[in-house]
Amino acid sequence: MSDVLFDVNLQQLPDDFLTGVWRVADRVLNRTDPASALARAEQFSLQAGRLQVSAPGLHDSGRWRVQRDELLNRPYLELELGQEQTRALVTRLRRSRTGSESQLSLYFQSGMEMQLAQP
């Protein structure tokens, strides 16, 4: 049975809420190259600055970090994966009270939108 999920205030978001293994639940590519690693990814693992992306026939690793804008303190994920470097705005994070379930919404520079889920 799924827990009730609550919105997390993104301006006060602890960076460690983003760590862990995330499954891609939904994606809208818009202008993004469908052959890119991020567009093909089915799973993201975000651990202490290390990024691993996987899909059938794809296992790639790189780096990630949280960056915040100065005006509103909104969190962005800066992702470096091989030759691919991009930035994604965290538009929503929902978590259960225990943290056992989470949903993360990202909006990438390319216009790609992605919903991730844990577990």
PDB file of N, CA and C in Angstrom:
ATOM      1  N   MET A   1       0.834  -1.177   0.000  1.00  0.00           N
ATOM      2  CA  MET A   1       0.000   0.000   0.000  1.00  0.00           C
ATOM      3  C   MET A   1       0.884   1.247   0.000  1.00  0.00           C
ATOM      4  N   SER A   2       0.558   2.211  -0.833  1.00  0.00           N
ATOM      5  CA  SER A   2       1.347   3.437  -0.935  1.00  0.00           C
ATOM      6  C   SER A   2       1.056   4.370   0.226  1.00  0.00           C
ATOM      7  N   ASP A   3       2.127   5.018   0.694  1.00  0.00           N
ATOM      8  CA  ASP A   3       1.986   6.041   1.716  1.00  0.00           C
ATOM      9  C   ASP A   3       1.451   7.314   1.073  1.00  0.00           C
ATOM     10  N   VAL A   4       0.877   8.195   1.891  1.00  0.00           N
ATOM     11  CA  VAL A   4       0.467   9.509   1.427  1.00  0.00           C
ATOM     12  C   VAL A   4       1.735  10.330   1.210  1.00  0.00           C
ATOM     13  N   LEU A   5       1.804  11.055   0.097  1.00  0.00           N
ATOM     14  CA  LEU A   5       2.982  11.856  -0.213  1.00  0.00           C
ATOM     15  C   LEU A   5       2.678  13.331   0.026  1.00  0.00           C
ATOM     16  N   PHE A   6       3.663  14.034   0.582  1.00  0.00           N
ATOM     17  CA  PHE A   6       3.536  15.447   0.905  1.00  0.00           C
ATOM     18  C   PHE A   6       4.552  16.247   0.113  1.00  0.00           C
ATOM     19  N   ASP A   7       4.181  17.456  -0.300  1.00  0.00           N
ATOM     20  CA  ASP A   7       5.107  18.340  -1.000  1.00  0.00           C
ATOM     21  C   ASP A   7       6.191  18.831  -0.048  1.00  0.00           C
ATOM     22  N   VAL A   8       7.419  18.836  -0.537  1.00  0.00           N
ATOM     23  CA  VAL A   8       8.562  19.346   0.216  1.00  0.00           C
ATOM     24  C   VAL A   8       8.801  20.791  -0.247  1.00  0.00           C
ATOM     25  N   ASN A   9       9.023  21.695   0.688  1.00  0.00           N
ATOM     26  CA  ASN A   9       9.347  23.079   0.346  1.00  0.00           C
ATOM     27  C   ASN A   9      10.714  23.086  -0.337  1.00  0.00           C
ATOM     28  N   LEU A  10      10.734  23.412  -1.619  1.00  0.00           N
ATOM     29  CA  LEU A  10      11.971  23.322  -2.404  1.00  0.00           C
ATOM     30  C   LEU A  10      13.011  24.346  -1.980  1.00  0.00           C
ATOM     31  N   GLN A  11      12.585  25.448  -1.405  1.00  0.00           N
ATOM     32  CA  GLN A  11      13.543  26.459  -0.954  1.00  0.00           C
ATOM     33  C   GLN A  11      14.295  26.000   0.287  1.00  0.00           C
ATOM     34  N   GLN A  12      13.763  25.004   0.981  1.00  0.00           N
ATOM     35  CA  GLN A  12      14.409  24.468   2.178  1.00  0.00           C
ATOM     36  C   GLN A  12      14.807  23.004   1.991  1.00  0.00           C
ATOM     37  N   LEU A  13      14.835  22.551   0.753  1.00  0.00           N
ATOM     38  CA  LEU A  13      15.101  21.146   0.432  1.00  0.00           C
ATOM     39  C   LEU A  13      16.514  20.733   0.838  1.00  0.00           C
ATOM     40  N   PRO A  14      16.642  19.752   1.740  1.00  0.00           N
ATOM     41  CA  PRO A  14      17.980  19.208   2.031  1.00  0.00           C
ATOM     42  C   PRO A  14      18.476  18.410   0.817  1.00  0.00           C
ATOM     43  N   ASP A  15      19.723  18.616   0.417  1.00  0.00           N
ATOM     44  CA  ASP A  15      20.274  17.935  -0.757  1.00  0.00           C
ATOM     45  C   ASP A  15      20.187  16.421  -0.648  1.00  0.00           C
ATOM     46  N   ASP A  16      20.287  15.886   0.569  1.00  0.00           N
ATOM     47  CA  ASP A  16      20.268  14.424   0.712  1.00  0.00           C
ATOM     48  C   ASP A  16      18.900  13.823   0.400  1.00  0.00           C
ATOM     49  N   PHE A  17      17.840  14.627   0.320  1.00  0.00           N
ATOM     50  CA  PHE A  17      16.536  14.112  -0.105  1.00  0.00           C
ATOM     51  C   PHE A  17      16.578  13.664  -1.563  1.00  0.00           C
ATOM     52  N   LEU A  18      17.580  14.116  -2.314  1.00  0.00           N
ATOM     53  CA  LEU A  18      17.683  13.776  -3.736  1.00  0.00           C
ATOM     54  C   LEU A  18      18.531  12.531  -3.977  1.00  0.00           C
ATOM     55  N   THR A  19      19.259  12.089  -2.984  1.00  0.00           N
ATOM     56  CA  THR A  19      20.118  10.920  -3.170  1.00  0.00           C
ATOM     57  C   THR A  19      19.290   9.642  -3.201  1.00  0.00           C
ATOM     58  N   GLY A  20      19.877   8.619  -3.780  1.00  0.00           N
ATOM     59  CA  GLY A  20      19.225   7.320  -3.850  1.00  0.00           C
ATOM     60  C   GLY A  20      19.034   6.872  -5.287  1.00  0.00           C
ATOM     61  N   VAL A  21      18.326   5.779  -5.444  1.00  0.00           N
ATOM     62  CA  VAL A  21      18.038   5.221  -6.762  1.00  0.00           C
ATOM     63  C   VAL A  21      16.635   5.656  -7.163  1.00  0.00           C
ATOM     64  N   TRP A  22      16.555   6.296  -8.331  1.00  0.00           N
ATOM     65  CA  TRP A  22      15.293   6.818  -8.848  1.00  0.00           C
ATOM     66  C   TRP A  22      14.932   6.095 -10.139  1.00  0.00           C
ATOM     67  N   ARG A  23      13.688   5.678 -10.244  1.00  0.00           N
ATOM     68  CA  ARG A  23      13.159   5.043 -11.460  1.00  0.00           C
ATOM     69  C   ARG A  23      12.443   6.119 -12.270  1.00  0.00           C
ATOM     70  N   VAL A  24      12.663   6.133 -13.583  1.00  0.00           N
ATOM     71  CA  VAL A  24      11.960   7.083 -14.447  1.00  0.00           C
ATOM     72  C   VAL A  24      10.527   6.598 -14.608  1.00  0.00           C
ATOM     73  N   ALA A  25       9.583   7.367 -14.074  1.00  0.00           N
ATOM     74  CA  ALA A  25       8.170   6.999 -14.132  1.00  0.00           C
ATOM     75  C   ALA A  25       7.491   7.571 -15.374  1.00  0.00           C
ATOM     76  N   ASP A  26       7.968   8.742 -15.828  1.00  0.00           N
ATOM     77  CA  ASP A  26       7.373   9.387 -16.997  1.00  0.00           C
ATOM     78  C   ASP A  26       8.375  10.381 -17.564  1.00  0.00           C
ATOM     79  N   ARG A  27       8.253  10.635 -18.869  1.00  0.00           N
ATOM     80  CA  ARG A  27       9.188  11.566 -19.513  1.00  0.00           C
ATOM     81  C   ARG A  27       8.516  12.158 -20.746  1.00  0.00           C
ATOM     82  N   VAL A  28       8.737  13.454 -20.956  1.00  0.00           N
ATOM     83  CA  VAL A  28       8.319  14.143 -22.172  1.00  0.00           C
ATOM     84  C   VAL A  28       9.581  14.757 -22.762  1.00  0.00           C
ATOM     85  N   LEU A  29       9.956  14.351 -23.981  1.00  0.00           N
ATOM     86  CA  LEU A  29      11.238  14.749 -24.547  1.00  0.00           C
ATOM     87  C   LEU A  29      11.262  16.184 -25.065  1.00  0.00           C
ATOM     88  N   ASN A  30      10.187  16.673 -25.652  1.00  0.00           N
ATOM     89  CA  ASN A  30      10.162  17.979 -26.309  1.00  0.00           C
ATOM     90  C   ASN A  30      11.300  18.063 -27.317  1.00  0.00           C
ATOM     91  N   ARG A  31      12.287  18.949 -27.142  1.00  0.00           N
ATOM     92  CA  ARG A  31      13.366  19.132 -28.124  1.00  0.00           C
ATOM     93  C   ARG A  31      14.585  18.255 -27.847  1.00  0.00           C
ATOM     94  N   THR A  32      14.534  17.419 -26.858  1.00  0.00           N
ATOM     95  CA  THR A  32      15.684  16.607 -26.466  1.00  0.00           C
ATOM     96  C   THR A  32      15.957  15.501 -27.476  1.00  0.00           C
ATOM     97  N   ASP A  33      17.229  15.274 -27.766  1.00  0.00           N
ATOM     98  CA  ASP A  33      17.646  14.187 -28.660  1.00  0.00           C
ATOM     99  C   ASP A  33      17.240  12.859 -28.023  1.00  0.00           C
ATOM    100  N   PRO A  34      16.367  12.089 -28.666  1.00  0.00           N
ATOM    101  CA  PRO A  34      15.907  10.822 -28.084  1.00  0.00           C
ATOM    102  C   PRO A  34      17.010   9.780 -27.927  1.00  0.00           C
ATOM    103  N   ALA A  35      18.155   9.975 -28.593  1.00  0.00           N
ATOM    104  CA  ALA A  35      19.260   9.022 -28.483  1.00  0.00           C
ATOM    105  C   ALA A  35      20.204   9.353 -27.333  1.00  0.00           C
ATOM    106  N   SER A  36      20.013  10.489 -26.685  1.00  0.00           N
ATOM    107  CA  SER A  36      20.912  10.871 -25.593  1.00  0.00           C
ATOM    108  C   SER A  36      20.724   9.943 -24.393  1.00  0.00           C
ATOM    109  N   ALA A  37      21.762   9.827 -23.593  1.00  0.00           N
ATOM    110  CA  ALA A  37      21.719   8.941 -22.426  1.00  0.00           C
ATOM    111  C   ALA A  37      20.619   9.346 -21.455  1.00  0.00           C
ATOM    112  N   LEU A  38      20.452  10.635 -21.225  1.00  0.00           N
ATOM    113  CA  LEU A  38      19.416  11.088 -20.290  1.00  0.00           C
ATOM    114  C   LEU A  38      18.015  10.804 -20.819  1.00  0.00           C
ATOM    115  N   ALA A  39      17.827  10.920 -22.123  1.00  0.00           N
ATOM    116  CA  ALA A  39      16.521  10.653 -22.718  1.00  0.00           C
ATOM    117  C   ALA A  39      16.183   9.169 -22.706  1.00  0.00           C
ATOM    118  N   ARG A  40      17.186   8.306 -22.723  1.00  0.00           N
ATOM    119  CA  ARG A  40      16.978   6.847 -22.734  1.00  0.00           C
ATOM    120  C   ARG A  40      16.961   6.239 -21.339  1.00  0.00           C
ATOM    121  N   ALA A  41      17.418   6.983 -20.361  1.00  0.00           N
ATOM    122  CA  ALA A  41      17.591   6.447 -19.008  1.00  0.00           C
ATOM    123  C   ALA A  41      16.286   5.902 -18.430  1.00  0.00           C
ATOM    124  N   GLU A  42      16.402   4.779 -17.754  1.00  0.00           N
ATOM    125  CA  GLU A  42      15.270   4.199 -17.035  1.00  0.00           C
ATOM    126  C   GLU A  42      15.477   4.282 -15.533  1.00  0.00           C
ATOM    127  N   GLN A  43      16.732   4.504 -15.134  1.00  0.00           N
ATOM    128  CA  GLN A  43      17.049   4.571 -13.707  1.00  0.00           C
ATOM    129  C   GLN A  43      18.220   5.516 -13.484  1.00  0.00           C
ATOM    130  N   PHE A  44      18.124   6.311 -12.428  1.00  0.00           N
ATOM    131  CA  PHE A  44      19.194   7.208 -12.003  1.00  0.00           C
ATOM    132  C   PHE A  44      19.613   6.815 -10.600  1.00  0.00           C
ATOM    133  N   SER A  45      20.899   6.797 -10.364  1.00  0.00           N
ATOM    134  CA  SER A  45      21.414   6.603  -9.009  1.00  0.00           C
ATOM    135  C   SER A  45      22.225   7.848  -8.671  1.00  0.00           C
ATOM    136  N   LEU A  46      21.775   8.579  -7.661  1.00  0.00           N
ATOM    137  CA  LEU A  46      22.442   9.799  -7.217  1.00  0.00           C
ATOM    138  C   LEU A  46      23.038   9.529  -5.841  1.00  0.00           C
ATOM    139  N   GLN A  47      24.358   9.430  -5.792  1.00  0.00           N
ATOM    140  CA  GLN A  47      25.057   9.143  -4.542  1.00  0.00           C
ATOM    141  C   GLN A  47      26.231  10.088  -4.395  1.00  0.00           C
ATOM    142  N   ALA A  48      26.309  10.839  -3.333  1.00  0.00           N
ATOM    143  CA  ALA A  48      27.468  11.680  -2.961  1.00  0.00           C
ATOM    144  C   ALA A  48      28.258  12.216  -4.157  1.00  0.00           C
ATOM    145  N   GLY A  49      27.596  12.960  -5.037  1.00  0.00           N
ATOM    146  CA  GLY A  49      28.261  13.560  -6.174  1.00  0.00           C
ATOM    147  C   GLY A  49      28.445  12.645  -7.367  1.00  0.00           C
ATOM    148  N   ARG A  50      28.114  11.373  -7.230  1.00  0.00           N
ATOM    149  CA  ARG A  50      28.288  10.392  -8.310  1.00  0.00           C
ATOM    150  C   ARG A  50      26.932  10.049  -8.915  1.00  0.00           C
ATOM    151  N   LEU A  51      26.871  10.096 -10.234  1.00  0.00           N
ATOM    152  CA  LEU A  51      25.658   9.816 -10.989  1.00  0.00           C
ATOM    153  C   LEU A  51      25.855   8.556 -11.810  1.00  0.00           C
ATOM    154  N   GLN A  52      24.899   7.648 -11.737  1.00  0.00           N
ATOM    155  CA  GLN A  52      24.891   6.469 -12.606  1.00  0.00           C
ATOM    156  C   GLN A  52      23.529   6.410 -13.279  1.00  0.00           C
ATOM    157  N   VAL A  53      23.563   6.232 -14.589  1.00  0.00           N
ATOM    158  CA  VAL A  53      22.349   6.158 -15.401  1.00  0.00           C
ATOM    159  C   VAL A  53      22.330   4.805 -16.075  1.00  0.00           C
ATOM    160  N   SER A  54      21.156   4.156 -16.066  1.00  0.00           N
ATOM    161  CA  SER A  54      21.078   2.859 -16.725  1.00  0.00           C
ATOM    162  C   SER A  54      19.759   2.693 -17.471  1.00  0.00           C
ATOM    163  N   ALA A  55      19.847   1.905 -18.518  1.00  0.00           N
ATOM    164  CA  ALA A  55      18.736   1.494 -19.371  1.00  0.00           C
ATOM    165  C   ALA A  55      19.234   0.257 -20.106  1.00  0.00           C
ATOM    166  N   PRO A  56      18.362  -0.469 -20.809  1.00  0.00           N
ATOM    167  CA  PRO A  56      18.852  -1.609 -21.578  1.00  0.00           C
ATOM    168  C   PRO A  56      19.956  -1.172 -22.547  1.00  0.00           C
ATOM    169  N   GLY A  57      21.121  -1.780 -22.429  1.00  0.00           N
ATOM    170  CA  GLY A  57      22.251  -1.452 -23.284  1.00  0.00           C
ATOM    171  C   GLY A  57      22.964  -0.161 -22.907  1.00  0.00           C
ATOM    172  N   LEU A  58      22.638   0.402 -21.767  1.00  0.00           N
ATOM    173  CA  LEU A  58      23.243   1.669 -21.352  1.00  0.00           C
ATOM    174  C   LEU A  58      23.580   1.623 -19.862  1.00  0.00           C
ATOM    175  N   HIS A  59      24.838   1.829 -19.563  1.00  0.00           N
ATOM    176  CA  HIS A  59      25.295   2.009 -18.181  1.00  0.00           C
ATOM    177  C   HIS A  59      26.368   3.084 -18.249  1.00  0.00           C
ATOM    178  N   ASP A  60      26.039   4.262 -17.768  1.00  0.00           N
ATOM    179  CA  ASP A  60      26.950   5.392 -17.866  1.00  0.00           C
ATOM    180  C   ASP A  60      27.058   6.040 -16.496  1.00  0.00           C
ATOM    181  N   SER A  61      28.176   6.667 -16.241  1.00  0.00           N
ATOM    182  CA  SER A  61      28.346   7.328 -14.950  1.00  0.00           C
ATOM    183  C   SER A  61      28.947   8.706 -15.157  1.00  0.00           C
ATOM    184  N   GLY A  62      28.741   9.537 -14.163  1.00  0.00           N
ATOM    185  CA  GLY A  62      29.239  10.901 -14.212  1.00  0.00           C
ATOM    186  C   GLY A  62      29.113  11.543 -12.843  1.00  0.00           C
ATOM    187  N   ARG A  63      28.879  12.849 -12.859  1.00  0.00           N
ATOM    188  CA  ARG A  63      28.784  13.592 -11.598  1.00  0.00           C
ATOM    189  C   ARG A  63      27.505  14.415 -11.563  1.00  0.00           C
ATOM    190  N   TRP A  64      27.097  14.759 -10.369  1.00  0.00           N
ATOM    191  CA  TRP A  64      25.951  15.634 -10.192  1.00  0.00           C
ATOM    192  C   TRP A  64      26.169  16.491  -8.949  1.00  0.00           C
ATOM    193  N   ARG A  65      25.484  17.610  -8.912  1.00  0.00           N
ATOM    194  CA  ARG A  65      25.486  18.450  -7.723  1.00  0.00           C
ATOM    195  C   ARG A  65      24.253  19.325  -7.744  1.00  0.00           C
ATOM    196  N   VAL A  66      23.906  19.829  -6.580  1.00  0.00           N
ATOM    197  CA  VAL A  66      22.779  20.740  -6.457  1.00  0.00           C
ATOM    198  C   VAL A  66      23.321  22.162  -6.493  1.00  0.00           C
ATOM    199  N   GLN A  67      22.699  22.979  -7.309  1.00  0.00           N
ATOM    200  CA  GLN A  67      23.023  24.397  -7.405  1.00  0.00           C
ATOM    201  C   GLN A  67      21.725  25.156  -7.130  1.00  0.00           C
ATOM    202  N   ARG A  68      21.810  26.297  -6.485  1.00  0.00           N
ATOM    203  CA  ARG A  68      20.608  27.091  -6.189  1.00  0.00           C
ATOM    204  C   ARG A  68      20.733  28.475  -6.779  1.00  0.00           C
ATOM    205  N   ASP A  69      19.598  28.997  -7.287  1.00  0.00           N
ATOM    206  CA  ASP A  69      19.657  30.369  -7.784  1.00  0.00           C
ATOM    207  C   ASP A  69      19.651  31.326  -6.594  1.00  0.00           C
ATOM    208  N   GLU A  70      20.249  32.484  -6.785  1.00  0.00           N
ATOM    209  CA  GLU A  70      20.433  33.423  -5.683  1.00  0.00           C
ATOM    210  C   GLU A  70      19.139  34.114  -5.275  1.00  0.00           C
ATOM    211  N   LEU A  71      18.252  34.363  -6.215  1.00  0.00           N
ATOM    212  CA  LEU A  71      17.053  35.132  -5.930  1.00  0.00           C
ATOM    213  C   LEU A  71      16.008  34.351  -5.128  1.00  0.00           C
ATOM    214  N   LEU A  72      15.640  33.172  -5.613  1.00  0.00           N
ATOM    215  CA  LEU A  72      14.570  32.395  -4.980  1.00  0.00           C
ATOM    216  C   LEU A  72      15.047  31.128  -4.282  1.00  0.00           C
ATOM    217  N   ASN A  73      16.350  30.836  -4.362  1.00  0.00           N
ATOM    218  CA  ASN A  73      16.916  29.648  -3.740  1.00  0.00           C
ATOM    219  C   ASN A  73      16.331  28.349  -4.300  1.00  0.00           C
ATOM    220  N   ARG A  74      15.911  28.386  -5.581  1.00  0.00           N
ATOM    221  CA  ARG A  74      15.358  27.188  -6.215  1.00  0.00           C
ATOM    222  C   ARG A  74      16.478  26.198  -6.518  1.00  0.00           C
ATOM    223  N   PRO A  75      16.259  24.910  -6.272  1.00  0.00           N
ATOM    224  CA  PRO A  75      17.308  23.914  -6.534  1.00  0.00           C
ATOM    225  C   PRO A  75      17.337  23.458  -7.996  1.00  0.00           C
ATOM    226  N   TYR A  76      18.540  23.374  -8.533  1.00  0.00           N
ATOM    227  CA  TYR A  76      18.808  22.828  -9.861  1.00  0.00           C
ATOM    228  C   TYR A  76      19.761  21.653  -9.685  1.00  0.00           C
ATOM    229  N   LEU A  77      19.590  20.639 -10.510  1.00  0.00           N
ATOM    230  CA  LEU A  77      20.572  19.559 -10.574  1.00  0.00           C
ATOM    231  C   LEU A  77      21.485  19.843 -11.757  1.00  0.00           C
ATOM    232  N   GLU A  78      22.770  19.904 -11.500  1.00  0.00           N
ATOM    233  CA  GLU A  78      23.749  20.001 -12.577  1.00  0.00           C
ATOM    234  C   GLU A  78      24.282  18.599 -12.809  1.00  0.00           C
ATOM    235  N   LEU A  79      24.094  18.098 -14.029  1.00  0.00           N
ATOM    236  CA  LEU A  79      24.446  16.721 -14.374  1.00  0.00           C
ATOM    237  C   LEU A  79      25.535  16.712 -15.435  1.00  0.00           C
ATOM    238  N   GLU A  80      26.569  15.927 -15.201  1.00  0.00           N
ATOM    239  CA  GLU A  80      27.632  15.702 -16.181  1.00  0.00           C
ATOM    240  C   GLU A  80      27.692  14.206 -16.432  1.00  0.00           C
ATOM    241  N   LEU A  81      27.435  13.843 -17.672  1.00  0.00           N
ATOM    242  CA  LEU A  81      27.388  12.435 -18.047  1.00  0.00           C
ATOM    243  C   LEU A  81      28.093  12.284 -19.384  1.00  0.00           C
ATOM    244  N   GLY A  82      29.348  11.827 -19.363  1.00  0.00           N
ATOM    245  CA  GLY A  82      30.125  11.736 -20.590  1.00  0.00           C
ATOM    246  C   GLY A  82      30.265  13.114 -21.209  1.00  0.00           C
ATOM    247  N   GLN A  83      29.870  13.240 -22.466  1.00  0.00           N
ATOM    248  CA  GLN A  83      29.918  14.533 -23.162  1.00  0.00           C
ATOM    249  C   GLN A  83      28.686  15.385 -22.871  1.00  0.00           C
ATOM    250  N   GLU A  84      27.703  14.815 -22.209  1.00  0.00           N
ATOM    251  CA  GLU A  84      26.444  15.501 -21.951  1.00  0.00           C
ATOM    252  C   GLU A  84      26.509  16.251 -20.622  1.00  0.00           C
ATOM    253  N   GLN A  85      26.310  17.551 -20.699  1.00  0.00           N
ATOM    254  CA  GLN A  85      26.224  18.378 -19.500  1.00  0.00           C
ATOM    255  C   GLN A  85      24.930  19.158 -19.578  1.00  0.00           C
ATOM    256  N   THR A  86      24.165  19.139 -18.510  1.00  0.00           N
ATOM    257  CA  THR A  86      22.894  19.845 -18.516  1.00  0.00           C
ATOM    258  C   THR A  86      22.514  20.254 -17.115  1.00  0.00           C
ATOM    259  N   ARG A  87      21.459  20.988 -17.055  1.00  0.00           N
ATOM    260  CA  ARG A  87      20.925  21.481 -15.796  1.00  0.00           C
ATOM    261  C   ARG A  87      19.429  21.218 -15.791  1.00  0.00           C
ATOM    262  N   ALA A  88      18.897  20.797 -14.647  1.00  0.00           N
ATOM    263  CA  ALA A  88      17.466  20.522 -14.528  1.00  0.00           C
ATOM    264  C   ALA A  88      16.930  21.200 -13.277  1.00  0.00           C
ATOM    265  N   LEU A  89      15.862  21.958 -13.451  1.00  0.00           N
ATOM    266  CA  LEU A  89      15.192  22.593 -12.326  1.00  0.00           C
ATOM    267  C   LEU A  89      14.354  21.552 -11.594  1.00  0.00           C
ATOM    268  N   VAL A  90      14.492  21.488 -10.281  1.00  0.00           N
ATOM    269  CA  VAL A  90      13.623  20.625  -9.481  1.00  0.00           C
ATOM    270  C   VAL A  90      12.312  21.383  -9.328  1.00  0.00           C
ATOM    271  N   THR A  91      11.255  20.889  -9.983  1.00  0.00           N
ATOM    272  CA  THR A  91       9.984  21.597  -9.944  1.00  0.00           C
ATOM    273  C   THR A  91       9.052  21.085  -8.851  1.00  0.00           C
ATOM    274  N   ARG A  92       9.282  19.857  -8.397  1.00  0.00           N
ATOM    275  CA  ARG A  92       8.443  19.319  -7.324  1.00  0.00           C
ATOM    276  C   ARG A  92       9.109  18.102  -6.705  1.00  0.00           C
ATOM    277  N   LEU A  93       9.000  17.996  -5.402  1.00  0.00           N
ATOM    278  CA  LEU A  93       9.426  16.794  -4.691  1.00  0.00           C
ATOM    279  C   LEU A  93       8.332  16.467  -3.694  1.00  0.00           C
ATOM    280  N   ARG A  94       7.862  15.237  -3.759  1.00  0.00           N
ATOM    281  CA  ARG A  94       6.853  14.745  -2.818  1.00  0.00           C
ATOM    282  C   ARG A  94       7.451  13.540  -2.106  1.00  0.00           C
ATOM    283  N   ARG A  95       7.238  13.477  -0.802  1.00  0.00           N
ATOM    284  CA  ARG A  95       7.779  12.369   0.008  1.00  0.00           C
ATOM    285  C   ARG A  95       6.736  11.899   1.013  1.00  0.00           C
ATOM    286  N   SER A  96       6.860  10.627   1.368  1.00  0.00           N
ATOM    287  CA  SER A  96       6.050  10.113   2.468  1.00  0.00           C
ATOM    288  C   SER A  96       6.677  10.588   3.779  1.00  0.00           C
ATOM    289  N   ARG A  97       5.936  10.513   4.847  1.00  0.00           N
ATOM    290  CA  ARG A  97       6.458  10.952   6.147  1.00  0.00           C
ATOM    291  C   ARG A  97       7.725  10.204   6.542  1.00  0.00           C
ATOM    292  N   THR A  98       7.804   8.936   6.193  1.00  0.00           N
ATOM    293  CA  THR A  98       8.961   8.119   6.562  1.00  0.00           C
ATOM    294  C   THR A  98      10.114   8.250   5.567  1.00  0.00           C
ATOM    295  N   GLY A  99       9.837   8.832   4.399  1.00  0.00           N
ATOM    296  CA  GLY A  99      10.863   8.940   3.368  1.00  0.00           C
ATOM    297  C   GLY A  99      11.015   7.670   2.551  1.00  0.00           C
ATOM    298  N   SER A 100      10.129   6.694   2.764  1.00  0.00           N
ATOM    299  CA  SER A 100      10.238   5.425   2.037  1.00  0.00           C
ATOM    300  C   SER A 100       9.761   5.537   0.593  1.00  0.00           C
ATOM    301  N   GLU A 101       8.950   6.545   0.289  1.00  0.00           N
ATOM    302  CA  GLU A 101       8.473   6.783  -1.072  1.00  0.00           C
ATOM    303  C   GLU A 101       8.662   8.248  -1.406  1.00  0.00           C
ATOM    304  N   SER A 102       9.071   8.498  -2.650  1.00  0.00           N
ATOM    305  CA  SER A 102       9.263   9.874  -3.115  1.00  0.00           C
ATOM    306  C   SER A 102       8.947   9.963  -4.597  1.00  0.00           C
ATOM    307  N   GLN A 103       8.547  11.162  -5.023  1.00  0.00           N
ATOM    308  CA  GLN A 103       8.362  11.479  -6.434  1.00  0.00           C
ATOM    309  C   GLN A 103       9.075  12.795  -6.694  1.00  0.00           C
ATOM    310  N   LEU A 104       9.865  12.842  -7.763  1.00  0.00           N
ATOM    311  CA  LEU A 104      10.672  14.003  -8.095  1.00  0.00           C
ATOM    312  C   LEU A 104      10.359  14.427  -9.526  1.00  0.00           C
ATOM    313  N   SER A 105      10.070  15.711  -9.721  1.00  0.00           N
ATOM    314  CA  SER A 105       9.800  16.247 -11.052  1.00  0.00           C
ATOM    315  C   SER A 105      10.926  17.191 -11.440  1.00  0.00           C
ATOM    316  N   LEU A 106      11.448  16.987 -12.658  1.00  0.00           N
ATOM    317  CA  LEU A 106      12.564  17.791 -13.170  1.00  0.00           C
ATOM    318  C   LEU A 106      12.192  18.406 -14.507  1.00  0.00           C
ATOM    319  N   TYR A 107      12.682  19.644 -14.742  1.00  0.00           N
ATOM    320  CA  TYR A 107      12.518  20.309 -16.023  1.00  0.00           C
ATOM    321  C   TYR A 107      13.906  20.672 -16.528  1.00  0.00           C
ATOM    322  N   PHE A 108      14.332  20.046 -17.630  1.00  0.00           N
ATOM    323  CA  PHE A 108      15.684  20.200 -18.161  1.00  0.00           C
ATOM    324  C   PHE A 108      15.793  21.415 -19.089  1.00  0.00           C
ATOM    325  N   GLN A 109      17.026  21.896 -19.278  1.00  0.00           N
ATOM    326  CA  GLN A 109      17.297  23.016 -20.180  1.00  0.00           C
ATOM    327  C   GLN A 109      16.763  22.762 -21.581  1.00  0.00           C
ATOM    328  N   SER A 110      16.797  21.517 -22.022  1.00  0.00           N
ATOM    329  CA  SER A 110      16.356  21.154 -23.369  1.00  0.00           C
ATOM    330  C   SER A 110      14.843  21.155 -23.504  1.00  0.00           C
ATOM    331  N   GLY A 111      14.135  21.312 -22.399  1.00  0.00           N
ATOM    332  CA  GLY A 111      12.680  21.246 -22.425  1.00  0.00           C
ATOM    333  C   GLY A 111      12.141  19.886 -22.005  1.00  0.00           C
ATOM    334  N   MET A 112      13.028  18.904 -21.828  1.00  0.00           N
ATOM    335  CA  MET A 112      12.580  17.587 -21.387  1.00  0.00           C
ATOM    336  C   MET A 112      12.029  17.689 -19.963  1.00  0.00           C
ATOM    337  N   GLU A 113      10.937  17.005 -19.744  1.00  0.00           N
ATOM    338  CA  GLU A 113      10.350  16.920 -18.406  1.00  0.00           C
ATOM    339  C   GLU A 113      10.422  15.464 -17.983  1.00  0.00           C
ATOM    340  N   MET A 114      10.765  15.257 -16.711  1.00  0.00           N
ATOM    341  CA  MET A 114      10.940  13.892 -16.230  1.00  0.00           C
ATOM    342  C   MET A 114      10.370  13.760 -14.827  1.00  0.00           C
ATOM    343  N   GLN A 115       9.631  12.673 -14.616  1.00  0.00           N
ATOM    344  CA  GLN A 115       9.145  12.342 -13.290  1.00  0.00           C
ATOM    345  C   GLN A 115       9.883  11.076 -12.835  1.00  0.00           C
ATOM    346  N   LEU A 116      10.479  11.165 -11.662  1.00  0.00           N
ATOM    347  CA  LEU A 116      11.216  10.054 -11.081  1.00  0.00           C
ATOM    348  C   LEU A 116      10.492   9.586  -9.840  1.00  0.00           C
ATOM    349  N   ALA A 117      10.673   8.304  -9.499  1.00  0.00           N
ATOM    350  CA  ALA A 117      10.015   7.739  -8.323  1.00  0.00           C
ATOM    351  C   ALA A 117      10.980   6.848  -7.553  1.00  0.00           C
ATOM    352  N   GLN A 118      10.799   6.844  -6.254  1.00  0.00           N
ATOM    353  CA  GLN A 118      11.496   5.910  -5.351  1.00  0.00           C
ATOM    354  C   GLN A 118      10.428   5.203  -4.550  1.00  0.00           C
ATOM    355  N   PRO A 119      10.485   4.031  -4.168  1.00  0.00           N
ATOM    356  CA  PRO A 119      11.344   2.985  -4.688  1.00  0.00           C
ATOM    357  C   PRO A 119      10.901   2.551  -6.055  1.00  0.00           C
TER     358      PRO A 119
END
